[in-house]
Amino acid sequence: MFKEFKSFIMRGNVVDLAIAVIIGGAFGAIVSSFVDDIITPLLLAPAIEAAGAKNIAELTWGAVKYGNFLAAVIKFLVIAFVLFIIVKAMNSMKKKEAAAAPAGPTQEELLTQIRDLLKK
């Protein structure tokens, strides 16, 4: 059962889908942070100005949370790097398994053996 599970997990399309979901979630966090922490405070600046705030620049840039956005970008880069290392390790394991597999007879050798058996 473990061998079947391992062969299922090691299929390329399963791994690709898992990586796409993880990267998509991390990139979604970057987009959300960009909108929530950078764009929204800048869009609210006219409303703050309309309310009669005297120091609009200080209120606007004080509300922009660029640290949260940078944290989301750094998290994305770390996740992408870890996934890169995992995929690289998986590829090297596949190469070792392929190299360790004994080479069987070629198609020509098999056909020659069948021909000889049919002659007998």
C-alpha atoms as a PDB file:
ATOM      1  CA  MET A   1       0.000   0.000   0.000  1.00  0.00           C
ATOM      2  CA  PHE A   2       2.879   2.362   0.776  1.00  0.00           C
ATOM      3  CA  LYS A   3       4.415   1.755  -2.657  1.00  0.00           C
ATOM      4  CA  GLU A   4       1.110   2.607  -4.329  1.00  0.00           C
ATOM      5  CA  PHE A   5       0.803   5.785  -2.282  1.00  0.00           C
ATOM      6  CA  LYS A   6       4.395   6.745  -3.099  1.00  0.00           C
ATOM      7  CA  SER A   7       3.856   6.214  -6.828  1.00  0.00           C
ATOM      8  CA  PHE A   8       0.641   8.270  -6.659  1.00  0.00           C
ATOM      9  CA  ILE A   9       2.333  11.146  -4.848  1.00  0.00           C
ATOM     10  CA  MET A  10       5.419  11.113  -7.060  1.00  0.00           C
ATOM     11  CA  ARG A  11       3.410  11.568 -10.254  1.00  0.00           C
ATOM     12  CA  GLY A  12       4.266  14.819 -11.932  1.00  0.00           C
ATOM     13  CA  ASN A  13       0.734  16.158 -12.200  1.00  0.00           C
ATOM     14  CA  VAL A  14      -0.051  15.614  -8.497  1.00  0.00           C
ATOM     15  CA  VAL A  15       3.100  17.430  -7.435  1.00  0.00           C
ATOM     16  CA  ASP A  16       2.492  20.216  -9.959  1.00  0.00           C
ATOM     17  CA  LEU A  17      -1.046  20.732  -8.693  1.00  0.00           C
ATOM     18  CA  ALA A  18       0.083  20.836  -5.063  1.00  0.00           C
ATOM     19  CA  ILE A  19       2.782  23.374  -5.871  1.00  0.00           C
ATOM     20  CA  ALA A  20       0.337  25.499  -7.848  1.00  0.00           C
ATOM     21  CA  VAL A  21      -2.113  25.589  -4.927  1.00  0.00           C
ATOM     22  CA  ILE A  22       0.607  26.536  -2.436  1.00  0.00           C
ATOM     23  CA  ILE A  23       2.140  29.221  -4.676  1.00  0.00           C
ATOM     24  CA  GLY A  24      -1.325  30.544  -5.522  1.00  0.00           C
ATOM     25  CA  GLY A  25      -2.193  30.902  -1.843  1.00  0.00           C
ATOM     26  CA  ALA A  26       1.062  32.698  -1.098  1.00  0.00           C
ATOM     27  CA  PHE A  27       0.628  35.027  -4.063  1.00  0.00           C
ATOM     28  CA  GLY A  28      -2.963  35.690  -2.970  1.00  0.00           C
ATOM     29  CA  ALA A  29      -1.586  36.867   0.368  1.00  0.00           C
ATOM     30  CA  ILE A  30       0.696  39.330  -1.471  1.00  0.00           C
ATOM     31  CA  VAL A  31      -2.218  40.721  -3.495  1.00  0.00           C
ATOM     32  CA  SER A  32      -4.428  40.999  -0.402  1.00  0.00           C
ATOM     33  CA  SER A  33      -1.709  42.779   1.528  1.00  0.00           C
ATOM     34  CA  PHE A  34      -1.044  45.150  -1.370  1.00  0.00           C
ATOM     35  CA  VAL A  35      -4.711  46.102  -1.602  1.00  0.00           C
ATOM     36  CA  ASP A  36      -5.432  46.228   2.139  1.00  0.00           C
ATOM     37  CA  ASP A  37      -2.213  47.815   3.354  1.00  0.00           C
ATOM     38  CA  ILE A  38      -1.127  50.077   0.492  1.00  0.00           C
ATOM     39  CA  ILE A  39      -3.907  50.849  -1.995  1.00  0.00           C
ATOM     40  CA  THR A  40      -6.838  51.240   0.401  1.00  0.00           C
ATOM     41  CA  PRO A  41      -5.157  53.822   2.688  1.00  0.00           C
ATOM     42  CA  LEU A  42      -4.175  55.872  -0.370  1.00  0.00           C
ATOM     43  CA  LEU A  43      -7.707  55.714  -1.732  1.00  0.00           C
ATOM     44  CA  LEU A  44      -9.099  56.861   1.611  1.00  0.00           C
ATOM     45  CA  ALA A  45      -6.957  60.009   1.544  1.00  0.00           C
ATOM     46  CA  PRO A  46      -9.613  62.140  -0.221  1.00  0.00           C
ATOM     47  CA  ALA A  47     -12.183  61.064   2.376  1.00  0.00           C
ATOM     48  CA  ILE A  48      -9.795  62.039   5.159  1.00  0.00           C
ATOM     49  CA  GLU A  49      -9.186  65.375   3.470  1.00  0.00           C
ATOM     50  CA  ALA A  50     -12.922  65.942   3.065  1.00  0.00           C
ATOM     51  CA  ALA A  51     -13.372  65.321   6.770  1.00  0.00           C
ATOM     52  CA  GLY A  52     -11.145  68.328   7.423  1.00  0.00           C
ATOM     53  CA  ALA A  53      -7.853  66.791   8.433  1.00  0.00           C
ATOM     54  CA  LYS A  54      -5.077  69.377   8.382  1.00  0.00           C
ATOM     55  CA  ASN A  55      -2.048  67.137   7.908  1.00  0.00           C
ATOM     56  CA  ILE A  56      -3.269  64.870   5.088  1.00  0.00           C
ATOM     57  CA  ALA A  57       0.171  63.583   3.998  1.00  0.00           C
ATOM     58  CA  GLU A  58       1.052  62.446   7.491  1.00  0.00           C
ATOM     59  CA  LEU A  59      -2.295  60.722   7.980  1.00  0.00           C
ATOM     60  CA  THR A  60      -2.151  59.000   4.590  1.00  0.00           C
ATOM     61  CA  TRP A  61       1.424  57.720   4.733  1.00  0.00           C
ATOM     62  CA  GLY A  62       1.034  56.832   8.389  1.00  0.00           C
ATOM     63  CA  ALA A  63      -1.881  54.584   7.435  1.00  0.00           C
ATOM     64  CA  VAL A  64       0.079  52.778   4.699  1.00  0.00           C
ATOM     65  CA  LYS A  65       1.422  49.567   6.203  1.00  0.00           C
ATOM     66  CA  TYR A  66       4.301  48.827   3.867  1.00  0.00           C
ATOM     67  CA  GLY A  67       5.848  46.539   6.484  1.00  0.00           C
ATOM     68  CA  ASN A  68       2.932  44.124   6.194  1.00  0.00           C
ATOM     69  CA  PHE A  69       3.307  44.106   2.415  1.00  0.00           C
ATOM     70  CA  LEU A  70       7.058  43.455   2.630  1.00  0.00           C
ATOM     71  CA  ALA A  71       6.413  40.634   5.105  1.00  0.00           C
ATOM     72  CA  ALA A  72       3.980  39.031   2.651  1.00  0.00           C
ATOM     73  CA  VAL A  73       6.549  39.282  -0.157  1.00  0.00           C
ATOM     74  CA  ILE A  74       9.261  37.744   2.037  1.00  0.00           C
ATOM     75  CA  LYS A  75       6.925  34.911   3.061  1.00  0.00           C
ATOM     76  CA  PHE A  76       6.188  34.259  -0.610  1.00  0.00           C
ATOM     77  CA  LEU A  77       9.891  34.118  -1.463  1.00  0.00           C
ATOM     78  CA  VAL A  78      10.610  31.727   1.415  1.00  0.00           C
ATOM     79  CA  ILE A  79       7.728  29.441   0.404  1.00  0.00           C
ATOM     80  CA  ALA A  80       8.849  29.473  -3.234  1.00  0.00           C
ATOM     81  CA  PHE A  81      12.442  28.656  -2.235  1.00  0.00           C
ATOM     82  CA  VAL A  82      11.374  25.767   0.007  1.00  0.00           C
ATOM     83  CA  LEU A  83       9.207  24.356  -2.789  1.00  0.00           C
ATOM     84  CA  PHE A  84      12.151  24.687  -5.168  1.00  0.00           C
ATOM     85  CA  ILE A  85      14.349  22.672  -2.787  1.00  0.00           C
ATOM     86  CA  ILE A  86      11.641  20.002  -2.417  1.00  0.00           C
ATOM     87  CA  VAL A  87      11.167  19.655  -6.176  1.00  0.00           C
ATOM     88  CA  LYS A  88      14.913  19.525  -6.716  1.00  0.00           C
ATOM     89  CA  ALA A  89      15.220  16.723  -4.130  1.00  0.00           C
ATOM     90  CA  MET A  90      12.342  14.818  -5.734  1.00  0.00           C
ATOM     91  CA  ASN A  91      13.937  15.109  -9.164  1.00  0.00           C
ATOM     92  CA  SER A  92      17.258  13.813  -7.870  1.00  0.00           C
ATOM     93  CA  MET A  93      15.465  10.857  -6.220  1.00  0.00           C
ATOM     94  CA  LYS A  94      13.747  10.063  -9.517  1.00  0.00           C
ATOM     95  CA  LYS A  95      17.096  10.160 -11.333  1.00  0.00           C
ATOM     96  CA  LYS A  96      18.645   7.799  -8.778  1.00  0.00           C
ATOM     97  CA  GLU A  97      15.719   5.378  -9.107  1.00  0.00           C
ATOM     98  CA  ALA A  98      15.973   5.468 -12.890  1.00  0.00           C
ATOM     99  CA  ALA A  99      19.724   4.889 -12.790  1.00  0.00           C
ATOM    100  CA  ALA A 100      19.382   2.050 -10.286  1.00  0.00           C
ATOM    101  CA  ALA A 101      16.854   0.173 -12.419  1.00  0.00           C
ATOM    102  CA  PRO A 102      18.557  -2.683 -14.253  1.00  0.00           C
ATOM    103  CA  ALA A 103      18.655  -2.382 -18.006  1.00  0.00           C
ATOM    104  CA  GLY A 104      16.552  -5.089 -19.606  1.00  0.00           C
ATOM    105  CA  PRO A 105      16.899  -6.538 -23.066  1.00  0.00           C
ATOM    106  CA  THR A 106      16.297  -4.228 -25.976  1.00  0.00           C
ATOM    107  CA  GLN A 107      13.325  -4.570 -28.266  1.00  0.00           C
ATOM    108  CA  GLU A 108      15.505  -6.107 -30.961  1.00  0.00           C
ATOM    109  CA  GLU A 109      16.850  -8.734 -28.556  1.00  0.00           C
ATOM    110  CA  LEU A 110      13.343  -9.652 -27.473  1.00  0.00           C
ATOM    111  CA  LEU A 111      12.174  -9.951 -31.059  1.00  0.00           C
ATOM    112  CA  THR A 112      15.196 -12.107 -31.880  1.00  0.00           C
ATOM    113  CA  GLN A 113      14.418 -14.400 -28.942  1.00  0.00           C
ATOM    114  CA  ILE A 114      10.766 -14.688 -30.031  1.00  0.00           C
ATOM    115  CA  ARG A 115      11.842 -15.495 -33.582  1.00  0.00           C
ATOM    116  CA  ASP A 116      14.225 -18.166 -32.380  1.00  0.00           C
ATOM    117  CA  LEU A 117      11.557 -19.702 -30.159  1.00  0.00           C
ATOM    118  CA  LEU A 118       9.075 -19.752 -33.033  1.00  0.00           C
ATOM    119  CA  LYS A 119      11.633 -21.509 -35.265  1.00  0.00           C
ATOM    120  CA  LYS A 120      11.966 -24.307 -32.713  1.00  0.00           C
END
